N, C-alpha and C. Protein backbone atom coordinates (compact mmCIF):
# COMPACT_ATOMS: atom_id res chain seq x y z
N MET A 1 0.84 -1.20 0.00
CA MET A 1 0.00 0.00 0.00
C MET A 1 0.88 1.25 0.00
N ASP A 2 0.51 2.21 -0.82
CA ASP A 2 1.24 3.46 -0.85
C ASP A 2 1.13 4.16 0.50
N ALA A 3 2.13 4.97 0.78
CA ALA A 3 2.09 5.76 2.01
C ALA A 3 0.88 6.68 2.00
N LEU A 4 0.21 6.73 3.12
CA LEU A 4 -0.98 7.56 3.28
C LEU A 4 -0.64 8.75 4.17
N TYR A 5 -1.10 9.92 3.79
CA TYR A 5 -0.86 11.13 4.57
C TYR A 5 -2.19 11.68 5.05
N LEU A 6 -2.17 12.28 6.23
CA LEU A 6 -3.38 12.82 6.84
C LEU A 6 -3.19 14.29 7.16
N ILE A 7 -4.06 15.13 6.60
CA ILE A 7 -4.06 16.57 6.89
C ILE A 7 -5.38 16.90 7.56
N VAL A 8 -5.31 17.38 8.80
CA VAL A 8 -6.49 17.72 9.58
C VAL A 8 -6.56 19.23 9.74
N GLY A 9 -7.68 19.81 9.36
CA GLY A 9 -7.93 21.22 9.62
C GLY A 9 -8.88 21.35 10.79
N LEU A 10 -8.56 22.22 11.74
CA LEU A 10 -9.42 22.38 12.92
C LEU A 10 -10.37 23.56 12.75
N GLY A 11 -11.55 23.40 13.34
CA GLY A 11 -12.56 24.45 13.30
C GLY A 11 -13.81 23.98 14.02
N ASN A 12 -14.86 24.76 13.90
CA ASN A 12 -16.16 24.41 14.47
C ASN A 12 -17.17 24.22 13.34
N PRO A 13 -18.05 23.22 13.45
CA PRO A 13 -19.04 23.00 12.40
C PRO A 13 -20.19 23.99 12.48
N GLY A 14 -20.90 24.15 11.35
CA GLY A 14 -22.09 24.99 11.34
C GLY A 14 -21.86 26.34 10.68
N GLY A 15 -22.91 26.84 10.04
CA GLY A 15 -22.82 28.09 9.29
C GLY A 15 -22.41 29.29 10.11
N GLU A 16 -22.78 29.31 11.39
CA GLU A 16 -22.46 30.48 12.21
C GLU A 16 -20.96 30.65 12.42
N TYR A 17 -20.21 29.55 12.27
CA TYR A 17 -18.76 29.62 12.47
C TYR A 17 -17.98 29.71 11.17
N ALA A 18 -18.68 29.62 10.04
CA ALA A 18 -18.00 29.64 8.75
C ALA A 18 -17.20 30.93 8.58
N ARG A 19 -15.97 30.78 8.10
CA ARG A 19 -15.07 31.90 7.82
C ARG A 19 -14.75 32.75 9.05
N THR A 20 -14.85 32.15 10.23
CA THR A 20 -14.34 32.82 11.43
C THR A 20 -12.85 32.51 11.57
N ARG A 21 -12.17 33.29 12.37
CA ARG A 21 -10.72 33.10 12.54
C ARG A 21 -10.41 31.71 13.08
N HIS A 22 -11.25 31.22 13.98
CA HIS A 22 -11.02 29.90 14.58
C HIS A 22 -11.13 28.79 13.54
N ASN A 23 -11.75 29.07 12.40
CA ASN A 23 -11.97 28.05 11.37
C ASN A 23 -10.98 28.14 10.22
N ILE A 24 -9.88 28.85 10.41
CA ILE A 24 -8.93 28.98 9.32
C ILE A 24 -8.31 27.63 8.96
N GLY A 25 -8.29 26.69 9.91
CA GLY A 25 -7.81 25.34 9.61
C GLY A 25 -8.70 24.65 8.58
N PHE A 26 -10.02 24.77 8.76
CA PHE A 26 -10.97 24.24 7.77
C PHE A 26 -10.70 24.88 6.41
N MET A 27 -10.55 26.20 6.41
CA MET A 27 -10.38 26.94 5.16
C MET A 27 -9.11 26.52 4.43
N ALA A 28 -8.05 26.25 5.18
CA ALA A 28 -6.77 25.87 4.57
C ALA A 28 -6.85 24.48 3.92
N VAL A 29 -7.47 23.51 4.60
CA VAL A 29 -7.54 22.17 3.99
C VAL A 29 -8.49 22.18 2.80
N GLU A 30 -9.51 23.03 2.85
CA GLU A 30 -10.39 23.15 1.69
C GLU A 30 -9.65 23.76 0.51
N ARG A 31 -8.79 24.75 0.77
CA ARG A 31 -7.99 25.34 -0.30
C ARG A 31 -7.04 24.29 -0.89
N PHE A 32 -6.44 23.48 -0.02
CA PHE A 32 -5.57 22.40 -0.48
C PHE A 32 -6.34 21.45 -1.40
N GLY A 33 -7.59 21.16 -1.02
CA GLY A 33 -8.40 20.22 -1.80
C GLY A 33 -8.86 20.78 -3.14
N GLU A 34 -8.97 22.10 -3.23
CA GLU A 34 -9.37 22.73 -4.50
C GLU A 34 -8.32 22.43 -5.56
N GLY A 35 -8.76 22.10 -6.74
CA GLY A 35 -7.82 21.80 -7.81
C GLY A 35 -7.30 20.38 -7.75
N ARG A 36 -7.64 19.67 -6.68
CA ARG A 36 -7.26 18.26 -6.57
C ARG A 36 -8.49 17.36 -6.59
N GLY A 37 -9.62 17.95 -6.96
CA GLY A 37 -10.84 17.16 -7.10
C GLY A 37 -11.42 16.66 -5.80
N ALA A 38 -11.20 17.39 -4.71
CA ALA A 38 -11.69 16.93 -3.41
C ALA A 38 -13.22 16.83 -3.40
N GLN A 39 -13.72 15.69 -3.02
CA GLN A 39 -15.15 15.46 -2.83
C GLN A 39 -15.38 15.18 -1.35
N TRP A 40 -15.99 16.13 -0.68
CA TRP A 40 -16.16 16.03 0.77
C TRP A 40 -17.40 15.21 1.12
N ASN A 41 -17.24 14.29 2.07
CA ASN A 41 -18.35 13.47 2.53
C ASN A 41 -18.35 13.40 4.05
N ALA A 42 -19.54 13.28 4.63
CA ALA A 42 -19.65 13.08 6.08
C ALA A 42 -19.33 11.63 6.40
N GLU A 43 -18.41 11.41 7.32
CA GLU A 43 -18.03 10.05 7.76
C GLU A 43 -18.38 9.92 9.23
N LYS A 44 -19.48 9.23 9.51
CA LYS A 44 -19.96 9.12 10.89
C LYS A 44 -18.95 8.46 11.81
N ARG A 45 -18.26 7.44 11.28
CA ARG A 45 -17.32 6.70 12.16
C ARG A 45 -16.18 7.58 12.63
N PHE A 46 -15.89 8.65 11.86
CA PHE A 46 -14.82 9.57 12.23
C PHE A 46 -15.36 10.89 12.78
N GLU A 47 -16.68 11.06 12.81
CA GLU A 47 -17.30 12.32 13.25
C GLU A 47 -16.67 13.50 12.50
N SER A 48 -16.50 13.35 11.20
CA SER A 48 -15.75 14.32 10.41
C SER A 48 -16.29 14.42 8.99
N ARG A 49 -15.95 15.54 8.35
CA ARG A 49 -16.03 15.63 6.90
C ARG A 49 -14.69 15.17 6.36
N VAL A 50 -14.73 14.33 5.33
CA VAL A 50 -13.51 13.70 4.84
C VAL A 50 -13.46 13.79 3.31
N ALA A 51 -12.27 14.04 2.79
CA ALA A 51 -12.03 13.99 1.35
C ALA A 51 -10.71 13.26 1.12
N LYS A 52 -10.65 12.48 0.04
CA LYS A 52 -9.43 11.77 -0.32
C LYS A 52 -8.94 12.30 -1.65
N VAL A 53 -7.68 12.72 -1.69
CA VAL A 53 -7.13 13.32 -2.90
C VAL A 53 -5.75 12.74 -3.20
N ASP A 54 -5.29 13.02 -4.41
CA ASP A 54 -3.93 12.68 -4.81
C ASP A 54 -3.13 13.97 -4.84
N ALA A 55 -1.96 13.95 -4.22
CA ALA A 55 -1.09 15.13 -4.23
C ALA A 55 0.31 14.68 -4.59
N GLY A 56 0.71 14.95 -5.82
CA GLY A 56 2.05 14.57 -6.26
C GLY A 56 2.30 13.09 -6.17
N GLY A 57 1.28 12.29 -6.48
CA GLY A 57 1.41 10.84 -6.43
C GLY A 57 1.22 10.24 -5.05
N LYS A 58 0.99 11.07 -4.04
CA LYS A 58 0.75 10.60 -2.67
C LYS A 58 -0.76 10.61 -2.39
N ARG A 59 -1.20 9.61 -1.63
CA ARG A 59 -2.60 9.56 -1.21
C ARG A 59 -2.76 10.37 0.07
N VAL A 60 -3.66 11.33 0.03
CA VAL A 60 -3.84 12.25 1.16
C VAL A 60 -5.30 12.25 1.59
N ILE A 61 -5.52 12.07 2.89
CA ILE A 61 -6.87 12.19 3.45
C ILE A 61 -6.97 13.55 4.13
N LEU A 62 -7.99 14.30 3.74
CA LEU A 62 -8.27 15.59 4.36
C LEU A 62 -9.43 15.41 5.34
N VAL A 63 -9.28 15.96 6.53
CA VAL A 63 -10.28 15.76 7.58
C VAL A 63 -10.64 17.07 8.25
N GLU A 64 -11.95 17.28 8.41
CA GLU A 64 -12.46 18.40 9.20
C GLU A 64 -13.33 17.81 10.32
N PRO A 65 -12.81 17.70 11.54
CA PRO A 65 -13.62 17.17 12.64
C PRO A 65 -14.89 18.00 12.83
N GLN A 66 -16.01 17.31 13.05
CA GLN A 66 -17.29 17.97 13.27
C GLN A 66 -17.72 17.88 14.73
N THR A 67 -16.75 17.71 15.61
CA THR A 67 -17.00 17.49 17.04
C THR A 67 -17.03 18.78 17.84
N PHE A 68 -16.80 19.89 17.19
CA PHE A 68 -16.48 21.17 17.83
C PHE A 68 -15.03 21.10 18.31
N MET A 69 -14.42 22.26 18.34
CA MET A 69 -12.97 22.38 18.54
C MET A 69 -12.47 21.62 19.76
N ASN A 70 -13.15 21.75 20.87
CA ASN A 70 -12.63 21.21 22.12
C ASN A 70 -12.59 19.69 22.18
N GLU A 71 -13.28 19.02 21.22
CA GLU A 71 -13.28 17.55 21.17
C GLU A 71 -12.62 17.04 19.90
N SER A 72 -11.80 17.86 19.26
CA SER A 72 -11.18 17.49 17.98
C SER A 72 -10.40 16.17 18.07
N GLY A 73 -9.79 15.93 19.22
CA GLY A 73 -8.96 14.74 19.37
C GLY A 73 -9.71 13.44 19.20
N ARG A 74 -10.98 13.45 19.53
CA ARG A 74 -11.80 12.25 19.37
C ARG A 74 -11.85 11.84 17.90
N ALA A 75 -12.06 12.81 17.03
CA ALA A 75 -12.13 12.54 15.60
C ALA A 75 -10.76 12.17 15.02
N VAL A 76 -9.74 12.93 15.42
CA VAL A 76 -8.40 12.68 14.89
C VAL A 76 -7.92 11.29 15.28
N ALA A 77 -8.11 10.91 16.53
CA ALA A 77 -7.68 9.58 16.99
C ALA A 77 -8.42 8.48 16.25
N ALA A 78 -9.70 8.69 15.94
CA ALA A 78 -10.49 7.68 15.22
C ALA A 78 -9.89 7.43 13.83
N VAL A 79 -9.50 8.50 13.15
CA VAL A 79 -8.91 8.34 11.82
C VAL A 79 -7.52 7.71 11.90
N VAL A 80 -6.69 8.21 12.81
CA VAL A 80 -5.33 7.69 12.97
C VAL A 80 -5.36 6.20 13.30
N ASN A 81 -6.23 5.81 14.21
CA ASN A 81 -6.30 4.40 14.63
C ASN A 81 -6.86 3.51 13.53
N PHE A 82 -7.86 4.00 12.80
CA PHE A 82 -8.46 3.20 11.73
C PHE A 82 -7.44 2.87 10.65
N TYR A 83 -6.66 3.87 10.26
CA TYR A 83 -5.67 3.67 9.19
C TYR A 83 -4.31 3.24 9.72
N ARG A 84 -4.19 3.10 11.04
CA ARG A 84 -2.91 2.72 11.66
C ARG A 84 -1.79 3.62 11.15
N LEU A 85 -2.06 4.90 11.22
CA LEU A 85 -1.19 5.89 10.61
C LEU A 85 -0.07 6.30 11.55
N PRO A 86 1.18 6.21 11.13
CA PRO A 86 2.26 6.74 11.97
C PRO A 86 2.13 8.26 12.09
N LEU A 87 2.43 8.79 13.26
CA LEU A 87 2.20 10.21 13.51
C LEU A 87 3.09 11.13 12.68
N ASP A 88 4.16 10.59 12.07
CA ASP A 88 4.98 11.45 11.22
C ASP A 88 4.32 11.68 9.86
N ARG A 89 3.14 11.08 9.64
CA ARG A 89 2.40 11.36 8.42
C ARG A 89 1.08 12.09 8.71
N LEU A 90 1.07 12.76 9.85
CA LEU A 90 -0.07 13.60 10.25
C LEU A 90 0.38 15.04 10.40
N VAL A 91 -0.41 15.97 9.86
CA VAL A 91 -0.21 17.39 10.15
C VAL A 91 -1.58 18.00 10.49
N VAL A 92 -1.60 18.83 11.52
CA VAL A 92 -2.82 19.50 11.97
C VAL A 92 -2.69 20.98 11.67
N VAL A 93 -3.69 21.54 11.00
CA VAL A 93 -3.69 22.96 10.64
C VAL A 93 -4.60 23.70 11.61
N VAL A 94 -4.05 24.75 12.24
CA VAL A 94 -4.73 25.36 13.38
C VAL A 94 -4.49 26.87 13.41
N ASP A 95 -5.47 27.61 13.93
CA ASP A 95 -5.30 29.05 14.14
C ASP A 95 -4.40 29.28 15.35
N ASP A 96 -3.68 30.40 15.33
CA ASP A 96 -2.79 30.73 16.44
C ASP A 96 -2.85 32.23 16.69
N ALA A 97 -3.45 32.60 17.84
CA ALA A 97 -3.59 34.02 18.19
C ALA A 97 -2.28 34.63 18.67
N ASP A 98 -1.29 33.79 18.97
CA ASP A 98 0.00 34.31 19.42
C ASP A 98 0.93 34.64 18.25
N LEU A 99 0.54 34.28 17.04
CA LEU A 99 1.30 34.65 15.85
C LEU A 99 0.62 35.83 15.17
N PRO A 100 1.39 36.76 14.64
CA PRO A 100 0.78 37.89 13.91
C PRO A 100 -0.06 37.39 12.75
N PHE A 101 -1.11 38.12 12.45
CA PHE A 101 -1.95 37.78 11.32
C PHE A 101 -1.11 37.79 10.04
N GLY A 102 -1.20 36.70 9.29
CA GLY A 102 -0.44 36.60 8.05
C GLY A 102 0.80 35.73 8.15
N GLU A 103 1.11 35.22 9.34
CA GLU A 103 2.32 34.41 9.51
C GLU A 103 1.97 32.93 9.58
N LEU A 104 2.79 32.12 8.91
CA LEU A 104 2.64 30.66 8.95
C LEU A 104 3.85 30.07 9.67
N ARG A 105 3.58 29.05 10.48
CA ARG A 105 4.69 28.40 11.18
C ARG A 105 4.40 26.91 11.31
N MET A 106 5.07 26.11 10.49
CA MET A 106 4.97 24.66 10.59
C MET A 106 6.04 24.17 11.54
N ARG A 107 5.67 23.22 12.40
CA ARG A 107 6.60 22.70 13.40
C ARG A 107 6.41 21.19 13.53
N PRO A 108 7.47 20.47 13.97
CA PRO A 108 7.37 19.01 14.08
C PRO A 108 6.60 18.53 15.30
N GLY A 109 6.37 19.37 16.27
CA GLY A 109 5.69 18.95 17.50
C GLY A 109 5.66 20.12 18.46
N GLY A 110 5.53 19.81 19.74
CA GLY A 110 5.56 20.86 20.75
C GLY A 110 4.30 20.90 21.57
N GLY A 111 4.17 21.96 22.35
CA GLY A 111 3.03 22.10 23.25
C GLY A 111 1.78 22.55 22.51
N ASN A 112 0.70 22.69 23.27
CA ASN A 112 -0.57 23.09 22.65
C ASN A 112 -0.79 24.59 22.72
N GLY A 113 0.04 25.30 23.47
CA GLY A 113 -0.07 26.75 23.53
C GLY A 113 -1.41 27.24 24.05
N GLY A 114 -2.11 26.39 24.81
CA GLY A 114 -3.42 26.78 25.32
C GLY A 114 -4.55 26.61 24.32
N HIS A 115 -4.24 26.06 23.14
CA HIS A 115 -5.28 25.85 22.13
C HIS A 115 -6.04 24.56 22.46
N HIS A 116 -7.35 24.69 22.65
CA HIS A 116 -8.12 23.54 23.13
C HIS A 116 -8.21 22.41 22.10
N GLY A 117 -8.15 22.75 20.82
CA GLY A 117 -8.15 21.70 19.80
C GLY A 117 -6.90 20.85 19.87
N LEU A 118 -5.74 21.50 19.96
CA LEU A 118 -4.48 20.76 20.08
C LEU A 118 -4.41 20.01 21.40
N GLU A 119 -4.95 20.61 22.43
CA GLU A 119 -4.99 19.97 23.76
C GLU A 119 -5.76 18.66 23.68
N SER A 120 -6.90 18.68 22.99
CA SER A 120 -7.73 17.48 22.84
C SER A 120 -7.01 16.41 22.02
N ILE A 121 -6.34 16.83 20.95
CA ILE A 121 -5.62 15.87 20.10
C ILE A 121 -4.49 15.21 20.89
N GLU A 122 -3.75 16.02 21.61
CA GLU A 122 -2.65 15.51 22.44
C GLU A 122 -3.17 14.48 23.45
N SER A 123 -4.31 14.78 24.05
CA SER A 123 -4.90 13.88 25.04
C SER A 123 -5.32 12.55 24.41
N HIS A 124 -5.97 12.60 23.25
CA HIS A 124 -6.48 11.38 22.63
C HIS A 124 -5.40 10.55 21.94
N LEU A 125 -4.37 11.22 21.42
CA LEU A 125 -3.28 10.48 20.78
C LEU A 125 -2.24 10.03 21.79
N GLY A 126 -2.22 10.69 22.96
CA GLY A 126 -1.21 10.38 23.96
C GLY A 126 0.18 10.81 23.52
N SER A 127 0.24 11.83 22.66
CA SER A 127 1.52 12.27 22.12
C SER A 127 1.43 13.71 21.63
N ARG A 128 2.58 14.39 21.69
CA ARG A 128 2.72 15.72 21.07
C ARG A 128 3.52 15.62 19.79
N GLU A 129 3.94 14.41 19.44
CA GLU A 129 4.88 14.22 18.33
C GLU A 129 4.15 14.10 16.99
N TYR A 130 3.48 15.16 16.62
CA TYR A 130 2.88 15.24 15.29
C TYR A 130 3.07 16.67 14.80
N ALA A 131 3.16 16.83 13.50
CA ALA A 131 3.39 18.16 12.94
C ALA A 131 2.14 19.00 13.05
N ARG A 132 2.35 20.31 13.17
CA ARG A 132 1.22 21.23 13.13
C ARG A 132 1.62 22.44 12.31
N LEU A 133 0.66 22.95 11.57
CA LEU A 133 0.84 24.19 10.82
C LEU A 133 0.00 25.25 11.50
N ARG A 134 0.70 26.16 12.18
CA ARG A 134 0.01 27.23 12.89
C ARG A 134 -0.17 28.42 11.96
N MET A 135 -1.38 28.94 11.89
CA MET A 135 -1.70 30.07 11.03
C MET A 135 -2.05 31.27 11.89
N GLY A 136 -1.24 32.30 11.81
CA GLY A 136 -1.39 33.45 12.69
C GLY A 136 -2.65 34.25 12.41
N ILE A 137 -3.44 34.46 13.47
CA ILE A 137 -4.63 35.31 13.35
C ILE A 137 -4.50 36.57 14.20
N GLY A 138 -3.38 36.69 14.93
CA GLY A 138 -3.12 37.87 15.74
C GLY A 138 -4.10 38.02 16.90
N ARG A 139 -3.93 39.09 17.64
CA ARG A 139 -4.84 39.42 18.75
C ARG A 139 -5.43 40.79 18.51
N GLN A 140 -6.53 41.07 19.17
CA GLN A 140 -7.14 42.40 19.04
C GLN A 140 -6.25 43.46 19.70
N ARG A 141 -5.80 43.18 20.91
CA ARG A 141 -4.95 44.13 21.63
C ARG A 141 -3.85 43.37 22.35
N ALA A 142 -2.67 43.89 22.29
CA ALA A 142 -1.53 43.23 22.93
C ALA A 142 -1.80 43.04 24.42
N GLY A 143 -1.49 41.84 24.91
CA GLY A 143 -1.60 41.58 26.33
C GLY A 143 -2.96 41.14 26.80
N VAL A 144 -3.96 41.18 25.92
CA VAL A 144 -5.31 40.77 26.33
C VAL A 144 -5.42 39.26 26.18
N ARG A 145 -5.70 38.58 27.28
CA ARG A 145 -5.76 37.11 27.24
C ARG A 145 -7.14 36.59 26.82
N GLU A 146 -8.20 37.31 27.13
CA GLU A 146 -9.55 36.84 26.77
C GLU A 146 -9.78 37.18 25.30
N ILE A 147 -9.73 36.16 24.45
CA ILE A 147 -9.76 36.40 23.01
C ILE A 147 -10.89 35.68 22.31
N THR A 148 -11.86 35.16 23.09
CA THR A 148 -12.94 34.38 22.49
C THR A 148 -13.66 35.16 21.39
N GLY A 149 -13.99 36.41 21.67
CA GLY A 149 -14.69 37.21 20.68
C GLY A 149 -13.88 37.40 19.41
N HIS A 150 -12.56 37.52 19.57
CA HIS A 150 -11.69 37.71 18.42
C HIS A 150 -11.62 36.45 17.56
N VAL A 151 -11.35 35.30 18.19
CA VAL A 151 -11.16 34.08 17.40
C VAL A 151 -12.47 33.61 16.77
N LEU A 152 -13.59 33.91 17.41
CA LEU A 152 -14.89 33.49 16.85
C LEU A 152 -15.49 34.55 15.92
N GLY A 153 -14.78 35.67 15.77
CA GLY A 153 -15.23 36.70 14.84
C GLY A 153 -14.83 36.35 13.41
N LYS A 154 -15.56 36.91 12.46
CA LYS A 154 -15.26 36.67 11.06
C LYS A 154 -14.16 37.61 10.57
N PHE A 155 -13.41 37.16 9.58
CA PHE A 155 -12.40 38.01 8.97
C PHE A 155 -13.07 39.20 8.31
N GLY A 156 -12.47 40.37 8.47
CA GLY A 156 -13.03 41.59 7.89
C GLY A 156 -12.54 41.82 6.47
N ALA A 157 -13.17 42.76 5.80
CA ALA A 157 -12.81 43.07 4.42
C ALA A 157 -11.36 43.50 4.29
N ALA A 158 -10.85 44.22 5.30
CA ALA A 158 -9.47 44.70 5.25
C ALA A 158 -8.46 43.55 5.36
N GLU A 159 -8.93 42.40 5.84
CA GLU A 159 -8.04 41.25 6.00
C GLU A 159 -8.09 40.29 4.81
N ALA A 160 -8.99 40.56 3.86
CA ALA A 160 -9.28 39.59 2.80
C ALA A 160 -8.06 39.24 1.96
N GLU A 161 -7.27 40.25 1.59
CA GLU A 161 -6.12 39.98 0.71
C GLU A 161 -5.08 39.11 1.41
N THR A 162 -4.76 39.47 2.66
CA THR A 162 -3.77 38.69 3.41
C THR A 162 -4.30 37.28 3.67
N LEU A 163 -5.59 37.15 3.97
CA LEU A 163 -6.18 35.83 4.20
C LEU A 163 -6.01 34.95 2.97
N GLU A 164 -6.29 35.49 1.78
CA GLU A 164 -6.15 34.71 0.55
C GLU A 164 -4.69 34.27 0.35
N LEU A 165 -3.76 35.17 0.61
CA LEU A 165 -2.34 34.81 0.51
C LEU A 165 -1.98 33.70 1.48
N MET A 166 -2.52 33.80 2.71
CA MET A 166 -2.25 32.77 3.72
C MET A 166 -2.76 31.41 3.28
N LEU A 167 -3.99 31.38 2.77
CA LEU A 167 -4.59 30.11 2.38
C LEU A 167 -3.84 29.49 1.21
N ASP A 168 -3.45 30.31 0.25
CA ASP A 168 -2.68 29.79 -0.89
C ASP A 168 -1.34 29.25 -0.43
N ARG A 169 -0.68 30.01 0.46
CA ARG A 169 0.65 29.59 0.91
C ARG A 169 0.56 28.34 1.79
N ALA A 170 -0.48 28.26 2.61
CA ALA A 170 -0.66 27.06 3.43
C ALA A 170 -0.86 25.83 2.55
N ALA A 171 -1.65 25.98 1.50
CA ALA A 171 -1.89 24.85 0.58
C ALA A 171 -0.58 24.42 -0.08
N GLN A 172 0.24 25.39 -0.46
CA GLN A 172 1.53 25.08 -1.07
C GLN A 172 2.46 24.39 -0.07
N GLN A 173 2.45 24.88 1.18
CA GLN A 173 3.31 24.29 2.19
C GLN A 173 2.88 22.85 2.50
N LEU A 174 1.60 22.63 2.58
CA LEU A 174 1.11 21.27 2.84
C LEU A 174 1.48 20.33 1.69
N ALA A 175 1.41 20.83 0.48
CA ALA A 175 1.81 20.01 -0.68
C ALA A 175 3.29 19.66 -0.59
N ARG A 176 4.12 20.63 -0.22
CA ARG A 176 5.55 20.36 -0.08
C ARG A 176 5.83 19.36 1.03
N TRP A 177 5.03 19.44 2.11
CA TRP A 177 5.18 18.48 3.20
C TRP A 177 5.00 17.05 2.69
N THR A 178 3.99 16.84 1.85
CA THR A 178 3.77 15.49 1.32
C THR A 178 4.86 15.09 0.34
N GLU A 179 5.41 16.08 -0.38
CA GLU A 179 6.37 15.78 -1.45
C GLU A 179 7.79 15.56 -0.94
N VAL A 180 8.25 16.45 -0.06
CA VAL A 180 9.68 16.45 0.30
C VAL A 180 9.92 16.40 1.80
N GLY A 181 8.85 16.35 2.60
CA GLY A 181 9.03 16.22 4.03
C GLY A 181 8.93 17.52 4.80
N LEU A 182 8.90 17.37 6.11
CA LEU A 182 8.63 18.47 7.02
C LEU A 182 9.70 19.56 7.00
N GLN A 183 10.97 19.15 7.07
CA GLN A 183 12.04 20.14 7.21
C GLN A 183 12.07 21.10 6.04
N ARG A 184 11.99 20.59 4.82
CA ARG A 184 12.04 21.46 3.65
C ARG A 184 10.78 22.32 3.54
N ALA A 185 9.64 21.75 3.89
CA ALA A 185 8.40 22.54 3.87
C ALA A 185 8.49 23.70 4.86
N MET A 186 9.08 23.44 6.02
CA MET A 186 9.28 24.50 7.01
C MET A 186 10.22 25.58 6.47
N ASN A 187 11.35 25.14 5.93
CA ASN A 187 12.37 26.08 5.47
C ASN A 187 11.87 26.96 4.33
N GLU A 188 11.05 26.39 3.46
CA GLU A 188 10.63 27.11 2.26
C GLU A 188 9.43 28.04 2.50
N PHE A 189 8.59 27.74 3.51
CA PHE A 189 7.33 28.47 3.60
C PHE A 189 7.06 29.16 4.93
N ASN A 190 7.76 28.80 6.00
CA ASN A 190 7.49 29.47 7.28
C ASN A 190 7.78 30.97 7.16
N GLY A 191 6.93 31.77 7.80
CA GLY A 191 7.14 33.21 7.81
C GLY A 191 5.87 33.96 7.43
N ALA A 192 6.02 35.27 7.28
CA ALA A 192 4.88 36.13 6.97
C ALA A 192 4.61 36.16 5.48
N VAL A 193 3.36 36.03 5.09
CA VAL A 193 3.02 35.98 3.68
C VAL A 193 3.25 37.32 3.00
N ASN A 194 3.14 38.40 3.75
CA ASN A 194 3.29 39.73 3.15
C ASN A 194 4.68 40.32 3.40
N ALA A 195 5.65 39.46 3.72
CA ALA A 195 6.99 39.94 4.04
C ALA A 195 7.61 40.71 2.88
N GLN A 196 7.32 40.24 1.64
CA GLN A 196 7.91 40.90 0.47
C GLN A 196 7.46 42.36 0.38
N LYS A 197 6.22 42.63 0.77
CA LYS A 197 5.69 43.99 0.67
C LYS A 197 6.37 44.93 1.64
N ASN A 198 6.89 44.37 2.73
CA ASN A 198 7.45 45.21 3.79
C ASN A 198 8.92 45.54 3.57
N GLU A 199 9.51 44.92 2.58
CA GLU A 199 10.95 45.13 2.36
C GLU A 199 11.21 46.49 1.73
């Protein structure tokens, strides 16, 4: 059997959460699936929306847990266990309020940074040793810890251009991850999407 890769985007299900900052993980995996013929289906056994695509000759499963963010690990563990997937072939795409808006940071593992979705995945997998692609959504005001309103708010018109750049770059980085591995994907794509404009 060919190597199977798993890309999980985190978010909350339902129209009220669509295109909110907390759902940028959903948006990124959907962008990755565009142009690759992704056909999304509800999979009850995984409590997720799932699409299977080909990326550079690799078989990739795209997953959007429908458990709500705080229970994401339940869905991720169900998929990982069903396919007996080694964790080095899993990447989780997640919003990060501690990164400036427009910045991407892929990492091989690490803590959950207080993100309840990553916290749940860590708990259900019993490991932190899986890659994650953190997508910076910034904070409303420096030093403010209560950010629920910010992360559950929708992206504004002024953010639209940077958001599109982020989604395109995330899709490219995820493709490179499947093609050449984590280290090169990190080296080639980590950073701010609008960095060129600031030079």
